[in-house]
């Protein structure tokens, strides 16, 4: 089920339909220096998936990287009460039933500071998305900031994705653009990301950009 991307980095792309759009849902898994696992935007929990993860290491950290990315979290809270759950700012207000142990910001947790950099995007207070950089593999990890979905989608999804402005193109959807409240602040955040050393971009919805991703990200947000 899990696909290796680099040493100590894996992904799993599972089906997900939102508002009639079959956009998929990707989980990224990193193994930290202590051998524990870090799960970004987890897909639906299942005993089979848990067993596959256990072969890689114990799951210690589960990351909900923006304030609306809550799908499937309940199952992980129930199954792993001993794990640490890291939520974006504002998540507690949006989902008070989910009891996060930590709030994400610009400073990496001590447990993963040797592996990941991170930055909370400014100017989008409804999302407060936190972007991560897996330094060893030069991989940027996004959530909803940009989609990369294409012609493999069902016909209805293609129509809806065209309406949402994110069909067959890497970049933000119209829905995500509607959350931008301060373009200058978001532009500064993008400049911060573009100063990092990365070549690949993982998106939660759509295909991974394996190379040349820095310029694609720059082009996608040239409107700011």
N, C-alpha and C. Protein backbone atom coordinates (compact mmCIF):
# COMPACT_ATOMS: atom_id res chain seq x y z
N UNK A 1 0.82 -1.20 0.00
CA UNK A 1 0.00 0.00 0.00
C UNK A 1 0.86 1.27 0.00
N UNK A 2 1.87 1.31 0.86
CA UNK A 2 2.73 2.47 0.93
C UNK A 2 3.77 2.43 -0.18
N UNK A 3 4.02 3.57 -0.81
CA UNK A 3 4.99 3.67 -1.88
C UNK A 3 6.21 4.44 -1.38
N UNK A 4 7.41 3.86 -1.47
CA UNK A 4 8.60 4.59 -1.03
C UNK A 4 8.95 5.70 -2.01
N UNK A 5 9.30 6.87 -1.49
CA UNK A 5 9.72 8.00 -2.30
C UNK A 5 11.20 8.28 -2.16
N UNK A 6 11.75 7.99 -0.99
CA UNK A 6 13.14 8.25 -0.67
C UNK A 6 13.42 7.49 0.62
N UNK A 7 14.69 7.35 1.03
CA UNK A 7 14.94 6.72 2.32
C UNK A 7 14.15 7.40 3.44
N UNK A 8 13.38 6.62 4.17
CA UNK A 8 12.59 7.09 5.32
C UNK A 8 11.46 8.03 4.94
N UNK A 9 10.95 7.91 3.70
CA UNK A 9 9.82 8.73 3.25
C UNK A 9 8.93 7.90 2.34
N UNK A 10 7.62 7.85 2.66
CA UNK A 10 6.66 7.07 1.90
C UNK A 10 5.39 7.89 1.66
N UNK A 11 4.57 7.42 0.72
CA UNK A 11 3.26 8.04 0.50
C UNK A 11 2.23 6.96 0.22
N UNK A 12 0.97 7.32 0.47
CA UNK A 12 -0.16 6.46 0.15
C UNK A 12 -1.28 7.34 -0.37
N UNK A 13 -1.73 7.07 -1.59
CA UNK A 13 -2.80 7.87 -2.21
C UNK A 13 -4.07 7.04 -2.21
N UNK A 14 -5.07 7.49 -1.45
CA UNK A 14 -6.32 6.76 -1.30
C UNK A 14 -7.47 7.52 -1.97
N UNK A 15 -8.54 6.82 -2.37
CA UNK A 15 -9.68 7.52 -2.98
C UNK A 15 -10.37 8.45 -1.99
N UNK A 16 -10.83 9.59 -2.49
CA UNK A 16 -11.64 10.51 -1.69
C UNK A 16 -12.45 11.39 -2.65
N UNK A 17 -13.74 11.52 -2.39
CA UNK A 17 -14.60 12.40 -3.18
C UNK A 17 -15.15 13.49 -2.27
N UNK A 18 -14.98 14.74 -2.69
CA UNK A 18 -15.44 15.90 -1.92
C UNK A 18 -16.29 16.77 -2.84
N UNK A 19 -17.52 17.05 -2.42
CA UNK A 19 -18.44 17.88 -3.21
C UNK A 19 -18.54 17.39 -4.66
N UNK A 20 -18.56 16.07 -4.81
CA UNK A 20 -18.70 15.48 -6.14
C UNK A 20 -17.41 15.36 -6.92
N UNK A 21 -16.29 15.83 -6.35
CA UNK A 21 -15.00 15.79 -7.05
C UNK A 21 -14.14 14.66 -6.49
N UNK A 22 -13.73 13.74 -7.36
CA UNK A 22 -12.86 12.62 -6.95
C UNK A 22 -11.42 13.12 -6.95
N UNK A 23 -10.99 13.68 -5.83
CA UNK A 23 -9.68 14.34 -5.79
C UNK A 23 -8.61 13.50 -5.10
N UNK A 24 -9.00 12.39 -4.48
CA UNK A 24 -8.01 11.57 -3.80
C UNK A 24 -7.51 12.23 -2.52
N UNK A 25 -6.76 11.46 -1.74
CA UNK A 25 -6.26 11.94 -0.45
C UNK A 25 -4.93 11.23 -0.18
N UNK A 26 -3.87 12.00 -0.18
CA UNK A 26 -2.54 11.40 0.01
C UNK A 26 -2.05 11.61 1.44
N UNK A 27 -1.57 10.53 2.03
CA UNK A 27 -0.87 10.57 3.30
C UNK A 27 0.63 10.46 3.03
N UNK A 28 1.42 11.26 3.74
CA UNK A 28 2.87 11.16 3.67
C UNK A 28 3.39 10.65 5.00
N UNK A 29 4.32 9.73 4.94
CA UNK A 29 4.88 9.10 6.14
C UNK A 29 6.38 9.32 6.16
N UNK A 30 6.88 9.85 7.27
CA UNK A 30 8.32 10.02 7.45
C UNK A 30 8.79 9.22 8.65
N UNK A 31 9.99 8.67 8.55
CA UNK A 31 10.59 8.00 9.71
C UNK A 31 11.63 8.94 10.31
N UNK A 32 11.50 9.18 11.61
CA UNK A 32 12.35 10.14 12.30
C UNK A 32 13.64 9.49 12.79
N UNK A 33 14.52 10.29 13.33
CA UNK A 33 15.84 9.79 13.73
C UNK A 33 15.75 8.75 14.85
N UNK A 34 14.68 8.77 15.63
CA UNK A 34 14.52 7.78 16.70
C UNK A 34 13.81 6.51 16.23
N UNK A 35 13.50 6.45 14.93
CA UNK A 35 12.82 5.28 14.37
C UNK A 35 11.32 5.35 14.39
N UNK A 36 10.76 6.39 15.04
CA UNK A 36 9.30 6.55 15.09
C UNK A 36 8.78 7.14 13.79
N UNK A 37 7.48 6.96 13.56
CA UNK A 37 6.85 7.44 12.34
C UNK A 37 6.08 8.73 12.57
N UNK A 38 6.08 9.56 11.53
CA UNK A 38 5.41 10.86 11.46
C UNK A 38 4.40 10.76 10.32
N UNK A 39 3.12 10.92 10.61
CA UNK A 39 2.06 10.79 9.60
C UNK A 39 1.47 12.15 9.29
N UNK A 40 1.53 12.54 8.03
CA UNK A 40 1.01 13.83 7.57
C UNK A 40 -0.30 13.57 6.83
N UNK A 41 -1.38 14.21 7.27
CA UNK A 41 -2.68 14.10 6.62
C UNK A 41 -3.10 12.64 6.44
N UNK A 42 -3.33 11.91 7.52
CA UNK A 42 -3.56 10.47 7.42
C UNK A 42 -4.84 10.12 6.65
N UNK A 43 -4.75 9.02 5.92
CA UNK A 43 -5.92 8.46 5.24
C UNK A 43 -6.71 7.66 6.27
N UNK A 44 -7.77 7.01 5.82
CA UNK A 44 -8.63 6.28 6.75
C UNK A 44 -7.86 5.18 7.47
N UNK A 45 -8.07 5.13 8.79
CA UNK A 45 -7.42 4.09 9.60
C UNK A 45 -8.01 2.72 9.27
N UNK A 46 -7.14 1.72 9.23
CA UNK A 46 -7.58 0.33 9.14
C UNK A 46 -6.53 -0.53 9.81
N UNK A 47 -6.91 -1.70 10.34
CA UNK A 47 -5.93 -2.60 10.94
C UNK A 47 -4.83 -3.00 9.96
N UNK A 48 -5.19 -3.18 8.68
CA UNK A 48 -4.18 -3.54 7.69
C UNK A 48 -3.14 -2.45 7.50
N UNK A 49 -3.61 -1.20 7.42
CA UNK A 49 -2.68 -0.08 7.29
C UNK A 49 -1.82 0.04 8.54
N UNK A 50 -2.44 -0.12 9.71
CA UNK A 50 -1.69 -0.04 10.96
C UNK A 50 -0.59 -1.10 11.00
N UNK A 51 -0.88 -2.29 10.51
CA UNK A 51 0.12 -3.36 10.50
C UNK A 51 1.26 -3.03 9.55
N UNK A 52 0.94 -2.45 8.40
CA UNK A 52 1.98 -2.07 7.45
C UNK A 52 2.87 -0.97 8.03
N UNK A 53 2.27 -0.01 8.69
CA UNK A 53 3.06 1.05 9.32
C UNK A 53 3.93 0.48 10.43
N UNK A 54 3.40 -0.46 11.20
CA UNK A 54 4.15 -1.03 12.32
C UNK A 54 5.42 -1.73 11.85
N UNK A 55 5.42 -2.22 10.61
CA UNK A 55 6.63 -2.85 10.09
C UNK A 55 7.72 -1.82 9.82
N UNK A 56 7.34 -0.54 9.68
CA UNK A 56 8.30 0.52 9.46
C UNK A 56 8.77 1.16 10.76
N UNK A 57 7.90 1.14 11.77
CA UNK A 57 8.23 1.74 13.05
C UNK A 57 6.95 2.11 13.78
N UNK A 58 7.06 2.49 15.05
CA UNK A 58 5.87 2.89 15.81
C UNK A 58 5.38 4.28 15.39
N UNK A 59 4.07 4.44 15.26
CA UNK A 59 3.49 5.74 14.92
C UNK A 59 3.48 6.60 16.19
N UNK A 60 4.21 7.71 16.14
CA UNK A 60 4.32 8.57 17.32
C UNK A 60 3.70 9.95 17.12
N UNK A 61 3.65 10.42 15.86
CA UNK A 61 3.19 11.79 15.60
C UNK A 61 2.24 11.79 14.41
N UNK A 62 1.06 12.39 14.61
CA UNK A 62 0.07 12.51 13.54
C UNK A 62 -0.21 13.99 13.34
N UNK A 63 -0.07 14.43 12.09
CA UNK A 63 -0.12 15.85 11.76
C UNK A 63 -1.36 16.17 10.95
N UNK A 64 -2.17 17.09 11.47
CA UNK A 64 -3.31 17.65 10.74
C UNK A 64 -2.87 19.03 10.26
N UNK A 65 -2.41 19.16 9.00
CA UNK A 65 -1.60 20.31 8.60
C UNK A 65 -2.35 21.59 8.26
N UNK A 66 -3.66 21.56 8.18
CA UNK A 66 -4.39 22.83 8.11
C UNK A 66 -5.71 22.69 8.84
N UNK A 67 -6.38 23.80 9.04
CA UNK A 67 -7.51 23.84 9.97
C UNK A 67 -8.80 23.27 9.41
N UNK A 68 -8.79 22.78 8.16
CA UNK A 68 -10.00 22.14 7.61
C UNK A 68 -9.74 20.71 7.16
N UNK A 69 -8.52 20.22 7.32
CA UNK A 69 -8.17 18.89 6.83
C UNK A 69 -8.42 17.86 7.92
N UNK A 70 -9.70 17.61 8.21
CA UNK A 70 -10.05 16.77 9.36
C UNK A 70 -10.54 15.38 8.99
N UNK A 71 -10.63 15.06 7.70
CA UNK A 71 -11.17 13.77 7.29
C UNK A 71 -10.35 12.63 7.88
N UNK A 72 -11.02 11.67 8.49
CA UNK A 72 -10.45 10.43 9.01
C UNK A 72 -9.71 10.55 10.34
N UNK A 73 -9.58 11.74 10.89
CA UNK A 73 -8.78 11.86 12.11
C UNK A 73 -9.37 11.08 13.28
N UNK A 74 -10.70 11.00 13.35
CA UNK A 74 -11.33 10.34 14.50
C UNK A 74 -10.81 8.92 14.69
N UNK A 75 -10.64 8.18 13.58
CA UNK A 75 -10.19 6.80 13.68
C UNK A 75 -8.79 6.68 14.26
N UNK A 76 -7.94 7.65 13.95
CA UNK A 76 -6.57 7.62 14.47
C UNK A 76 -6.54 8.00 15.95
N UNK A 77 -7.36 8.97 16.35
CA UNK A 77 -7.46 9.31 17.77
C UNK A 77 -7.91 8.09 18.58
N UNK A 78 -8.88 7.37 18.06
CA UNK A 78 -9.40 6.21 18.78
C UNK A 78 -8.39 5.07 18.85
N UNK A 79 -7.66 4.86 17.75
CA UNK A 79 -6.76 3.72 17.67
C UNK A 79 -5.42 3.96 18.35
N UNK A 80 -4.98 5.22 18.42
CA UNK A 80 -3.64 5.52 18.92
C UNK A 80 -3.70 6.59 20.01
N UNK A 81 -4.29 6.30 21.14
CA UNK A 81 -4.42 7.31 22.18
C UNK A 81 -3.08 7.76 22.76
N UNK A 82 -2.02 6.96 22.55
CA UNK A 82 -0.71 7.33 23.07
C UNK A 82 0.12 8.19 22.14
N UNK A 83 -0.35 8.40 20.91
CA UNK A 83 0.40 9.22 19.95
C UNK A 83 0.19 10.70 20.26
N UNK A 84 1.07 11.52 19.72
CA UNK A 84 0.90 12.97 19.80
C UNK A 84 0.20 13.43 18.52
N UNK A 85 -0.81 14.28 18.68
CA UNK A 85 -1.60 14.79 17.57
C UNK A 85 -1.33 16.28 17.43
N UNK A 86 -0.81 16.67 16.28
CA UNK A 86 -0.39 18.04 16.03
C UNK A 86 -1.37 18.69 15.06
N UNK A 87 -2.08 19.70 15.50
CA UNK A 87 -3.09 20.35 14.67
C UNK A 87 -2.71 21.77 14.31
N UNK A 88 -3.15 22.21 13.14
CA UNK A 88 -2.93 23.60 12.73
C UNK A 88 -3.67 24.55 13.66
N UNK A 89 -3.22 25.77 13.72
CA UNK A 89 -3.90 26.78 14.53
C UNK A 89 -5.34 26.96 14.04
N UNK A 90 -6.26 27.03 14.96
CA UNK A 90 -7.66 27.18 14.62
C UNK A 90 -8.41 25.87 14.54
N UNK A 91 -7.69 24.75 14.53
CA UNK A 91 -8.35 23.46 14.43
C UNK A 91 -9.23 23.19 15.64
N UNK A 92 -8.74 23.58 16.82
CA UNK A 92 -9.50 23.32 18.04
C UNK A 92 -10.86 24.01 18.01
N UNK A 93 -10.91 25.19 17.39
CA UNK A 93 -12.19 25.90 17.28
C UNK A 93 -13.10 25.22 16.26
N UNK A 94 -12.52 24.73 15.19
CA UNK A 94 -13.28 24.08 14.13
C UNK A 94 -13.77 22.70 14.55
N UNK A 95 -12.91 21.97 15.27
CA UNK A 95 -13.27 20.62 15.73
C UNK A 95 -12.94 20.47 17.21
N UNK A 96 -13.75 21.06 18.09
CA UNK A 96 -13.45 20.98 19.53
C UNK A 96 -13.52 19.56 20.08
N UNK A 97 -14.11 18.64 19.33
CA UNK A 97 -14.20 17.25 19.79
C UNK A 97 -12.89 16.51 19.66
N UNK A 98 -11.97 17.03 18.85
CA UNK A 98 -10.67 16.39 18.67
C UNK A 98 -9.66 17.05 19.61
N UNK A 99 -9.09 16.29 20.50
CA UNK A 99 -8.23 16.84 21.54
C UNK A 99 -6.76 16.72 21.13
N UNK A 100 -6.28 17.73 20.42
CA UNK A 100 -4.88 17.75 19.97
C UNK A 100 -3.94 17.97 21.15
N UNK A 101 -2.79 17.36 21.07
CA UNK A 101 -1.78 17.55 22.11
C UNK A 101 -0.85 18.72 21.80
N UNK A 102 -0.76 19.11 20.53
CA UNK A 102 0.20 20.14 20.12
C UNK A 102 -0.40 21.00 19.01
N UNK A 103 0.05 22.26 18.94
CA UNK A 103 -0.37 23.18 17.89
C UNK A 103 0.82 23.48 16.98
N UNK A 104 0.59 23.38 15.69
CA UNK A 104 1.66 23.60 14.70
C UNK A 104 1.91 25.09 14.48
N UNK A 105 3.17 25.42 14.28
CA UNK A 105 3.56 26.78 13.94
C UNK A 105 4.78 26.75 13.04
N UNK A 106 5.67 27.71 13.20
CA UNK A 106 6.87 27.77 12.36
C UNK A 106 8.02 26.93 12.90
N UNK A 107 7.97 26.57 14.17
CA UNK A 107 9.09 25.87 14.79
C UNK A 107 8.83 24.37 14.80
N UNK A 108 9.69 23.57 14.17
CA UNK A 108 9.49 22.12 14.20
C UNK A 108 9.55 21.58 15.62
N UNK A 109 8.73 20.57 15.88
CA UNK A 109 8.81 19.88 17.17
C UNK A 109 10.20 19.27 17.32
N UNK A 110 10.66 19.18 18.55
CA UNK A 110 11.99 18.61 18.80
C UNK A 110 12.14 17.24 18.17
N UNK A 111 11.06 16.45 18.17
CA UNK A 111 11.11 15.07 17.66
C UNK A 111 11.46 15.01 16.18
N UNK A 112 11.11 16.05 15.41
CA UNK A 112 11.39 15.98 13.97
C UNK A 112 12.23 17.16 13.45
N UNK A 113 12.80 17.93 14.34
CA UNK A 113 13.57 19.10 13.91
C UNK A 113 14.79 18.71 13.07
N UNK A 114 15.33 17.51 13.26
CA UNK A 114 16.49 17.08 12.49
C UNK A 114 16.11 16.59 11.09
N UNK A 115 14.81 16.42 10.84
CA UNK A 115 14.35 15.83 9.58
C UNK A 115 13.57 16.82 8.73
N UNK A 116 12.68 17.61 9.36
CA UNK A 116 11.79 18.51 8.63
C UNK A 116 11.99 19.96 9.05
N UNK A 117 11.86 20.87 8.08
CA UNK A 117 11.59 22.28 8.34
C UNK A 117 10.09 22.48 8.18
N UNK A 118 9.57 23.57 8.73
CA UNK A 118 8.15 23.85 8.55
C UNK A 118 7.88 25.35 8.60
N UNK A 119 6.77 25.75 7.97
CA UNK A 119 6.38 27.15 7.94
C UNK A 119 4.87 27.23 7.86
N UNK A 120 4.25 28.07 8.71
CA UNK A 120 2.82 28.30 8.65
C UNK A 120 2.53 29.43 7.68
N UNK A 121 1.71 29.15 6.68
CA UNK A 121 1.38 30.14 5.67
C UNK A 121 0.59 31.29 6.28
N UNK A 122 1.01 32.50 5.99
CA UNK A 122 0.29 33.69 6.43
C UNK A 122 -0.72 34.10 5.37
N UNK A 123 -1.68 34.92 5.79
CA UNK A 123 -2.63 35.50 4.86
C UNK A 123 -3.83 34.65 4.53
N UNK A 124 -3.88 33.42 5.10
CA UNK A 124 -5.01 32.50 4.85
C UNK A 124 -5.48 31.98 6.21
N UNK A 125 -6.09 32.82 7.04
CA UNK A 125 -6.38 32.44 8.43
C UNK A 125 -7.41 31.33 8.57
N UNK A 126 -8.21 31.08 7.54
CA UNK A 126 -9.15 29.96 7.63
C UNK A 126 -8.42 28.63 7.54
N UNK A 127 -7.30 28.62 6.83
CA UNK A 127 -6.52 27.40 6.66
C UNK A 127 -5.38 27.27 7.67
N UNK A 128 -4.59 28.35 7.80
CA UNK A 128 -3.37 28.29 8.61
C UNK A 128 -2.55 27.05 8.25
N UNK A 129 -2.44 26.78 6.96
CA UNK A 129 -1.73 25.57 6.53
C UNK A 129 -0.24 25.65 6.88
N UNK A 130 0.28 24.53 7.37
CA UNK A 130 1.70 24.41 7.67
C UNK A 130 2.34 23.54 6.59
N UNK A 131 3.37 24.08 5.95
CA UNK A 131 4.09 23.40 4.88
C UNK A 131 5.38 22.82 5.46
N UNK A 132 5.74 21.63 5.00
CA UNK A 132 6.92 20.95 5.52
C UNK A 132 7.94 20.71 4.41
N UNK A 133 9.20 20.70 4.80
CA UNK A 133 10.30 20.35 3.91
C UNK A 133 11.03 19.15 4.48
N UNK A 134 11.02 18.04 3.74
CA UNK A 134 11.85 16.89 4.10
C UNK A 134 13.22 17.15 3.50
N UNK A 135 14.14 17.58 4.37
CA UNK A 135 15.40 18.11 3.87
C UNK A 135 16.23 17.09 3.09
N UNK A 136 16.32 15.86 3.61
CA UNK A 136 17.21 14.86 3.00
C UNK A 136 16.83 14.56 1.56
N UNK A 137 15.52 14.55 1.26
CA UNK A 137 15.07 14.22 -0.10
C UNK A 137 14.69 15.45 -0.92
N UNK A 138 14.86 16.64 -0.34
CA UNK A 138 14.53 17.91 -1.01
C UNK A 138 13.06 17.88 -1.49
N UNK A 139 12.18 17.50 -0.55
CA UNK A 139 10.76 17.33 -0.87
C UNK A 139 9.92 18.30 -0.06
N UNK A 140 9.12 19.12 -0.75
CA UNK A 140 8.16 20.01 -0.11
C UNK A 140 6.84 19.27 0.02
N UNK A 141 6.18 19.40 1.18
CA UNK A 141 4.92 18.68 1.43
C UNK A 141 3.81 19.68 1.66
N UNK A 142 2.87 19.74 0.70
CA UNK A 142 1.72 20.63 0.75
C UNK A 142 0.46 19.85 1.12
N UNK A 143 -0.58 20.58 1.46
CA UNK A 143 -1.88 19.95 1.74
C UNK A 143 -2.91 20.49 0.74
N UNK A 144 -3.56 21.60 1.05
CA UNK A 144 -4.55 22.17 0.15
C UNK A 144 -4.07 23.41 -0.59
N UNK A 145 -2.86 23.86 -0.32
CA UNK A 145 -2.36 25.06 -0.98
C UNK A 145 -2.39 24.92 -2.50
N UNK A 146 -2.10 23.73 -3.00
CA UNK A 146 -2.12 23.50 -4.45
C UNK A 146 -2.62 22.09 -4.73
N UNK A 147 -3.37 21.95 -5.82
CA UNK A 147 -3.82 20.65 -6.33
C UNK A 147 -3.00 20.33 -7.58
N UNK A 148 -3.02 19.05 -7.99
CA UNK A 148 -2.40 18.67 -9.25
C UNK A 148 -3.16 17.49 -9.84
N UNK A 149 -4.44 17.70 -10.13
CA UNK A 149 -5.32 16.64 -10.63
C UNK A 149 -5.48 16.77 -12.14
N UNK A 150 -5.74 15.63 -12.80
CA UNK A 150 -5.75 15.66 -14.26
C UNK A 150 -6.78 14.76 -14.89
N UNK A 151 -6.51 14.32 -16.12
CA UNK A 151 -7.53 13.65 -16.94
C UNK A 151 -7.92 12.26 -16.47
N UNK A 152 -7.23 11.73 -15.48
CA UNK A 152 -7.62 10.42 -14.96
C UNK A 152 -8.88 10.49 -14.11
N UNK A 153 -9.37 11.70 -13.83
CA UNK A 153 -10.58 11.88 -13.03
C UNK A 153 -11.82 11.45 -13.81
N UNK A 154 -12.87 10.98 -13.11
CA UNK A 154 -14.15 10.72 -13.78
C UNK A 154 -14.69 11.99 -14.44
N UNK A 155 -15.58 11.82 -15.41
CA UNK A 155 -16.07 12.95 -16.20
C UNK A 155 -16.69 14.04 -15.33
N UNK A 156 -17.57 13.66 -14.39
CA UNK A 156 -18.21 14.66 -13.54
C UNK A 156 -17.16 15.41 -12.72
N UNK A 157 -16.17 14.69 -12.21
CA UNK A 157 -15.11 15.34 -11.45
C UNK A 157 -14.35 16.32 -12.33
N UNK A 158 -14.10 15.95 -13.59
CA UNK A 158 -13.40 16.85 -14.50
C UNK A 158 -14.17 18.17 -14.66
N UNK A 159 -15.48 18.06 -14.82
CA UNK A 159 -16.31 19.27 -14.98
C UNK A 159 -16.23 20.13 -13.73
N UNK A 160 -16.39 19.50 -12.57
CA UNK A 160 -16.38 20.26 -11.32
C UNK A 160 -15.01 20.85 -11.04
N UNK A 161 -13.96 20.13 -11.38
CA UNK A 161 -12.61 20.65 -11.17
C UNK A 161 -12.31 21.81 -12.11
N UNK A 162 -12.85 21.76 -13.32
CA UNK A 162 -12.71 22.91 -14.23
C UNK A 162 -13.38 24.14 -13.62
N UNK A 163 -14.58 23.95 -13.08
CA UNK A 163 -15.29 25.07 -12.44
C UNK A 163 -14.47 25.61 -11.27
N UNK A 164 -13.79 24.71 -10.56
CA UNK A 164 -13.01 25.10 -9.39
C UNK A 164 -11.61 25.60 -9.78
N UNK A 165 -11.33 25.61 -11.07
CA UNK A 165 -10.09 26.21 -11.55
C UNK A 165 -8.83 25.43 -11.27
N UNK A 166 -8.95 24.10 -11.11
CA UNK A 166 -7.75 23.32 -10.78
C UNK A 166 -7.68 22.00 -11.55
N UNK A 167 -8.22 21.99 -12.77
CA UNK A 167 -8.16 20.79 -13.60
C UNK A 167 -6.96 20.85 -14.53
N UNK A 168 -6.15 19.79 -14.49
CA UNK A 168 -4.97 19.68 -15.36
C UNK A 168 -4.00 20.85 -15.18
N UNK A 169 -3.87 21.30 -13.96
CA UNK A 169 -2.90 22.35 -13.68
C UNK A 169 -2.48 22.24 -12.23
N UNK A 170 -1.21 22.56 -11.99
CA UNK A 170 -0.71 22.60 -10.62
C UNK A 170 -0.94 24.01 -10.08
N UNK A 171 -1.69 24.11 -8.98
CA UNK A 171 -1.94 25.42 -8.41
C UNK A 171 -3.12 25.41 -7.48
N UNK A 172 -3.47 26.56 -6.94
CA UNK A 172 -4.57 26.64 -5.97
C UNK A 172 -5.93 26.56 -6.66
N UNK A 173 -6.88 25.97 -5.99
CA UNK A 173 -8.26 25.96 -6.48
C UNK A 173 -8.90 27.31 -6.20
N UNK A 174 -10.05 27.56 -6.85
CA UNK A 174 -10.79 28.79 -6.57
C UNK A 174 -11.23 28.82 -5.11
N UNK A 175 -11.57 27.66 -4.57
CA UNK A 175 -11.98 27.60 -3.17
C UNK A 175 -10.85 28.04 -2.26
N UNK A 176 -9.65 27.56 -2.51
CA UNK A 176 -8.51 27.96 -1.69
C UNK A 176 -8.19 29.44 -1.89
N UNK A 177 -8.28 29.91 -3.12
CA UNK A 177 -8.04 31.34 -3.37
C UNK A 177 -9.01 32.21 -2.57
N UNK A 178 -10.22 31.70 -2.38
CA UNK A 178 -11.22 32.50 -1.66
C UNK A 178 -10.87 32.67 -0.19
N UNK A 179 -9.94 31.87 0.33
CA UNK A 179 -9.54 32.00 1.73
C UNK A 179 -8.40 33.01 1.91
N UNK A 180 -7.87 33.54 0.81
CA UNK A 180 -6.76 34.50 0.93
C UNK A 180 -7.32 35.84 1.39
N UNK A 181 -6.86 36.30 2.52
CA UNK A 181 -7.30 37.57 3.09
C UNK A 181 -6.21 38.64 3.03
N UNK A 182 -4.97 38.24 2.86
CA UNK A 182 -3.85 39.19 2.83
C UNK A 182 -2.83 38.67 1.81
N UNK A 183 -2.92 39.19 0.59
CA UNK A 183 -2.06 38.69 -0.48
C UNK A 183 -0.59 38.97 -0.20
N UNK A 184 -0.29 40.12 0.37
CA UNK A 184 1.10 40.45 0.65
C UNK A 184 1.69 39.47 1.67
N UNK A 185 0.91 39.13 2.68
CA UNK A 185 1.39 38.19 3.69
C UNK A 185 1.62 36.81 3.08
N UNK A 186 0.70 36.37 2.23
CA UNK A 186 0.87 35.07 1.58
C UNK A 186 2.07 35.10 0.64
N UNK A 187 2.25 36.19 -0.06
CA UNK A 187 3.41 36.31 -0.95
C UNK A 187 4.71 36.18 -0.16
N UNK A 188 4.78 36.78 1.01
CA UNK A 188 5.99 36.65 1.83
C UNK A 188 6.20 35.20 2.27
N UNK A 189 5.10 34.51 2.58
CA UNK A 189 5.22 33.10 2.93
C UNK A 189 5.73 32.28 1.75
N UNK A 190 5.23 32.56 0.56
CA UNK A 190 5.71 31.83 -0.61
C UNK A 190 7.18 32.10 -0.86
N UNK A 191 7.61 33.32 -0.65
CA UNK A 191 9.04 33.64 -0.79
C UNK A 191 9.87 32.87 0.21
N UNK A 192 9.33 32.69 1.41
CA UNK A 192 10.02 31.88 2.43
C UNK A 192 10.18 30.44 1.94
N UNK A 193 9.10 29.87 1.40
CA UNK A 193 9.18 28.49 0.90
C UNK A 193 10.15 28.38 -0.26
N UNK A 194 10.11 29.35 -1.17
CA UNK A 194 10.95 29.29 -2.36
C UNK A 194 12.44 29.45 -2.04
N UNK A 195 12.73 29.93 -0.85
CA UNK A 195 14.13 30.02 -0.42
C UNK A 195 14.67 28.67 0.06
N UNK A 196 13.77 27.71 0.31
CA UNK A 196 14.20 26.39 0.73
C UNK A 196 14.76 25.62 -0.45
N UNK A 197 15.53 24.58 -0.15
CA UNK A 197 16.13 23.72 -1.18
C UNK A 197 15.22 22.52 -1.43
N UNK A 198 14.40 22.59 -2.49
CA UNK A 198 13.53 21.46 -2.83
C UNK A 198 13.41 21.34 -4.34
N UNK A 199 13.13 20.13 -4.78
CA UNK A 199 12.91 19.87 -6.21
C UNK A 199 11.60 19.13 -6.44
N UNK A 200 11.15 18.35 -5.46
CA UNK A 200 9.90 17.60 -5.55
C UNK A 200 8.84 18.26 -4.67
N UNK A 201 7.58 18.19 -5.11
CA UNK A 201 6.46 18.63 -4.28
C UNK A 201 5.45 17.49 -4.17
N UNK A 202 5.10 17.16 -2.93
CA UNK A 202 4.00 16.24 -2.65
C UNK A 202 2.75 17.06 -2.39
N UNK A 203 1.67 16.73 -3.07
CA UNK A 203 0.37 17.36 -2.81
C UNK A 203 -0.56 16.32 -2.21
N UNK A 204 -1.53 16.77 -1.43
CA UNK A 204 -2.50 15.84 -0.85
C UNK A 204 -3.53 15.39 -1.88
N UNK A 205 -3.71 16.19 -2.93
CA UNK A 205 -4.75 15.90 -3.93
C UNK A 205 -4.14 16.00 -5.33
N UNK A 206 -3.89 14.83 -5.93
CA UNK A 206 -3.34 14.81 -7.28
C UNK A 206 -1.97 14.17 -7.34
N UNK A 207 -1.31 14.35 -8.47
CA UNK A 207 -0.02 13.71 -8.72
C UNK A 207 1.12 14.50 -8.09
N UNK A 208 2.11 13.77 -7.64
CA UNK A 208 3.33 14.37 -7.11
C UNK A 208 4.13 14.98 -8.26
N UNK A 209 4.68 16.17 -8.04
CA UNK A 209 5.63 16.75 -8.98
C UNK A 209 7.02 16.24 -8.61
N UNK A 210 7.59 15.39 -9.43
CA UNK A 210 8.83 14.73 -9.05
C UNK A 210 10.06 15.61 -9.21
N UNK A 211 10.01 16.57 -10.11
CA UNK A 211 11.16 17.43 -10.33
C UNK A 211 10.71 18.77 -10.89
N UNK A 212 11.57 19.77 -10.75
CA UNK A 212 11.24 21.10 -11.25
C UNK A 212 10.12 21.78 -10.50
N UNK A 213 9.86 21.34 -9.26
CA UNK A 213 8.69 21.82 -8.54
C UNK A 213 8.82 23.26 -8.05
N UNK A 214 10.04 23.71 -7.81
CA UNK A 214 10.18 25.06 -7.29
C UNK A 214 9.67 26.09 -8.30
N UNK A 215 10.04 25.93 -9.56
CA UNK A 215 9.57 26.88 -10.57
C UNK A 215 8.07 26.75 -10.80
N UNK A 216 7.54 25.54 -10.72
CA UNK A 216 6.10 25.35 -10.88
C UNK A 216 5.34 26.05 -9.75
N UNK A 217 5.87 25.98 -8.54
CA UNK A 217 5.22 26.66 -7.42
C UNK A 217 5.27 28.17 -7.61
N UNK A 218 6.41 28.66 -8.06
CA UNK A 218 6.54 30.09 -8.32
C UNK A 218 5.54 30.57 -9.36
N UNK A 219 5.39 29.80 -10.42
CA UNK A 219 4.46 30.16 -11.50
C UNK A 219 3.01 30.09 -11.02
N UNK A 220 2.68 29.11 -10.20
CA UNK A 220 1.30 28.92 -9.75
C UNK A 220 0.81 30.09 -8.91
N UNK A 221 1.74 30.79 -8.24
CA UNK A 221 1.33 31.89 -7.36
C UNK A 221 1.84 33.24 -7.85
N UNK A 222 2.10 33.31 -9.16
CA UNK A 222 2.55 34.58 -9.74
C UNK A 222 1.48 35.64 -9.66
N UNK A 223 0.21 35.25 -9.43
CA UNK A 223 -0.89 36.22 -9.37
C UNK A 223 -0.87 37.07 -8.09
N UNK A 224 -0.10 36.64 -7.11
CA UNK A 224 -0.08 37.36 -5.82
C UNK A 224 0.59 38.74 -5.96
